[in-house]
Amino acid sequence: MAIRMPRIIQVRQILERSLSNGGSTPASMDIPKGYFAIYVGEQQKKRFVVPI
């Protein structure tokens, strides 16, 4: 069983982009360090804060 490093690198790049684009919005300010927010849903979005 091999670990796919390119996938990990892609996820890291996406997270870095999302943090740099929305890092100053009030919604992102209440996320503790070491966590990230996931929004799920189309009409009613539900937010989950997940530890990294």
N, C-alpha and C. Protein backbone atom coordinates (compact mmCIF):
# COMPACT_ATOMS: atom_id res chain seq x y z
N MET A 1 0.85 -1.17 0.00
CA MET A 1 0.00 0.00 0.00
C MET A 1 0.90 1.24 0.00
N ALA A 2 0.78 2.05 -1.00
CA ALA A 2 1.63 3.23 -1.15
C ALA A 2 0.87 4.49 -0.76
N ILE A 3 1.61 5.47 -0.27
CA ILE A 3 1.03 6.77 0.07
C ILE A 3 1.16 7.66 -1.16
N ARG A 4 0.08 8.29 -1.53
CA ARG A 4 0.10 9.16 -2.71
C ARG A 4 0.43 10.59 -2.29
N MET A 5 1.67 10.95 -2.44
CA MET A 5 2.13 12.27 -2.03
C MET A 5 1.56 13.39 -2.89
N PRO A 6 1.38 13.20 -4.22
CA PRO A 6 0.82 14.30 -5.00
C PRO A 6 -0.55 14.75 -4.49
N ARG A 7 -1.37 13.82 -4.01
CA ARG A 7 -2.68 14.18 -3.46
C ARG A 7 -2.52 15.06 -2.22
N ILE A 8 -1.59 14.70 -1.36
CA ILE A 8 -1.36 15.48 -0.15
C ILE A 8 -0.89 16.88 -0.51
N ILE A 9 -0.02 16.98 -1.49
CA ILE A 9 0.48 18.28 -1.92
C ILE A 9 -0.65 19.11 -2.51
N GLN A 10 -1.53 18.50 -3.30
CA GLN A 10 -2.66 19.22 -3.88
C GLN A 10 -3.58 19.75 -2.80
N VAL A 11 -3.88 18.94 -1.80
CA VAL A 11 -4.75 19.37 -0.71
C VAL A 11 -4.11 20.53 0.04
N ARG A 12 -2.83 20.43 0.29
CA ARG A 12 -2.13 21.50 0.99
C ARG A 12 -2.18 22.81 0.19
N GLN A 13 -1.99 22.74 -1.12
CA GLN A 13 -2.04 23.93 -1.96
C GLN A 13 -3.44 24.55 -1.95
N ILE A 14 -4.47 23.71 -2.00
CA ILE A 14 -5.84 24.21 -1.96
C ILE A 14 -6.12 24.90 -0.64
N LEU A 15 -5.68 24.30 0.46
CA LEU A 15 -5.88 24.91 1.77
C LEU A 15 -5.14 26.24 1.88
N GLU A 16 -3.93 26.29 1.38
CA GLU A 16 -3.17 27.54 1.44
C GLU A 16 -3.85 28.63 0.63
N ARG A 17 -4.36 28.27 -0.54
CA ARG A 17 -5.07 29.25 -1.37
C ARG A 17 -6.33 29.74 -0.69
N SER A 18 -7.08 28.83 -0.10
CA SER A 18 -8.34 29.23 0.54
C SER A 18 -8.08 30.08 1.77
N LEU A 19 -7.02 29.77 2.52
CA LEU A 19 -6.69 30.57 3.69
C LEU A 19 -6.19 31.95 3.30
N SER A 20 -5.44 32.06 2.22
CA SER A 20 -4.92 33.37 1.82
C SER A 20 -6.02 34.23 1.21
N ASN A 21 -7.02 33.64 0.58
CA ASN A 21 -8.10 34.41 -0.03
C ASN A 21 -9.13 34.87 0.99
N GLY A 22 -9.48 34.05 1.95
CA GLY A 22 -10.55 34.39 2.87
C GLY A 22 -10.10 34.53 4.30
N GLY A 23 -8.84 34.79 4.52
CA GLY A 23 -8.32 34.84 5.87
C GLY A 23 -8.77 36.02 6.70
N SER A 24 -9.31 37.07 6.06
CA SER A 24 -9.67 38.26 6.82
C SER A 24 -11.17 38.41 7.02
N THR A 25 -11.97 37.47 6.57
CA THR A 25 -13.42 37.58 6.73
C THR A 25 -13.81 37.23 8.17
N PRO A 26 -14.87 37.83 8.69
CA PRO A 26 -15.29 37.55 10.06
C PRO A 26 -15.62 36.08 10.32
N ALA A 27 -16.17 35.37 9.34
CA ALA A 27 -16.52 33.96 9.52
C ALA A 27 -15.28 33.11 9.74
N SER A 28 -14.18 33.49 9.12
CA SER A 28 -12.95 32.69 9.27
C SER A 28 -12.20 33.05 10.54
N MET A 29 -12.55 34.13 11.19
CA MET A 29 -11.84 34.56 12.38
C MET A 29 -12.15 33.68 13.59
N ASP A 30 -13.29 33.00 13.60
CA ASP A 30 -13.65 32.19 14.76
C ASP A 30 -13.24 30.73 14.63
N ILE A 31 -12.37 30.44 13.68
CA ILE A 31 -11.84 29.08 13.52
C ILE A 31 -10.52 29.01 14.30
N PRO A 32 -10.43 28.11 15.28
CA PRO A 32 -9.18 28.01 16.05
C PRO A 32 -8.01 27.54 15.19
N LYS A 33 -6.83 27.89 15.59
CA LYS A 33 -5.63 27.46 14.88
C LYS A 33 -5.54 25.93 14.94
N GLY A 34 -5.21 25.31 13.81
CA GLY A 34 -5.13 23.86 13.75
C GLY A 34 -6.43 23.22 13.29
N TYR A 35 -7.41 24.03 12.90
CA TYR A 35 -8.70 23.55 12.42
C TYR A 35 -9.01 24.21 11.08
N PHE A 36 -9.97 23.64 10.35
CA PHE A 36 -10.46 24.32 9.16
C PHE A 36 -11.96 24.07 9.05
N ALA A 37 -12.64 24.95 8.34
CA ALA A 37 -14.09 24.86 8.22
C ALA A 37 -14.46 24.21 6.91
N ILE A 38 -15.49 23.36 6.97
CA ILE A 38 -16.05 22.72 5.78
C ILE A 38 -17.51 23.10 5.72
N TYR A 39 -17.94 23.57 4.56
CA TYR A 39 -19.34 23.91 4.35
C TYR A 39 -19.96 22.85 3.45
N VAL A 40 -21.09 22.29 3.89
CA VAL A 40 -21.75 21.21 3.17
C VAL A 40 -23.18 21.62 2.88
N GLY A 41 -23.62 21.37 1.65
CA GLY A 41 -25.00 21.66 1.27
C GLY A 41 -25.07 22.66 0.14
N GLU A 42 -26.21 22.69 -0.52
CA GLU A 42 -26.40 23.64 -1.61
C GLU A 42 -27.34 24.77 -1.20
N GLN A 43 -28.55 24.44 -0.79
CA GLN A 43 -29.50 25.46 -0.36
C GLN A 43 -29.20 25.91 1.07
N GLN A 44 -29.17 24.97 1.99
CA GLN A 44 -28.84 25.26 3.37
C GLN A 44 -27.44 24.74 3.65
N LYS A 45 -26.50 25.65 3.79
CA LYS A 45 -25.13 25.23 4.05
C LYS A 45 -24.94 24.99 5.53
N LYS A 46 -24.31 23.87 5.84
CA LYS A 46 -24.00 23.52 7.21
C LYS A 46 -22.48 23.59 7.37
N ARG A 47 -22.03 24.15 8.47
CA ARG A 47 -20.60 24.35 8.66
C ARG A 47 -20.07 23.39 9.72
N PHE A 48 -18.94 22.76 9.39
CA PHE A 48 -18.25 21.86 10.31
C PHE A 48 -16.83 22.36 10.47
N VAL A 49 -16.35 22.44 11.72
CA VAL A 49 -14.97 22.82 11.99
C VAL A 49 -14.23 21.53 12.36
N VAL A 50 -13.21 21.19 11.54
CA VAL A 50 -12.54 19.92 11.64
C VAL A 50 -11.07 20.12 12.01
N PRO A 51 -10.54 19.33 12.94
CA PRO A 51 -9.11 19.46 13.26
C PRO A 51 -8.24 18.93 12.12
N ILE A 52 -7.11 19.56 11.94
CA ILE A 52 -6.18 19.13 10.89
C ILE A 52 -5.35 17.98 11.41
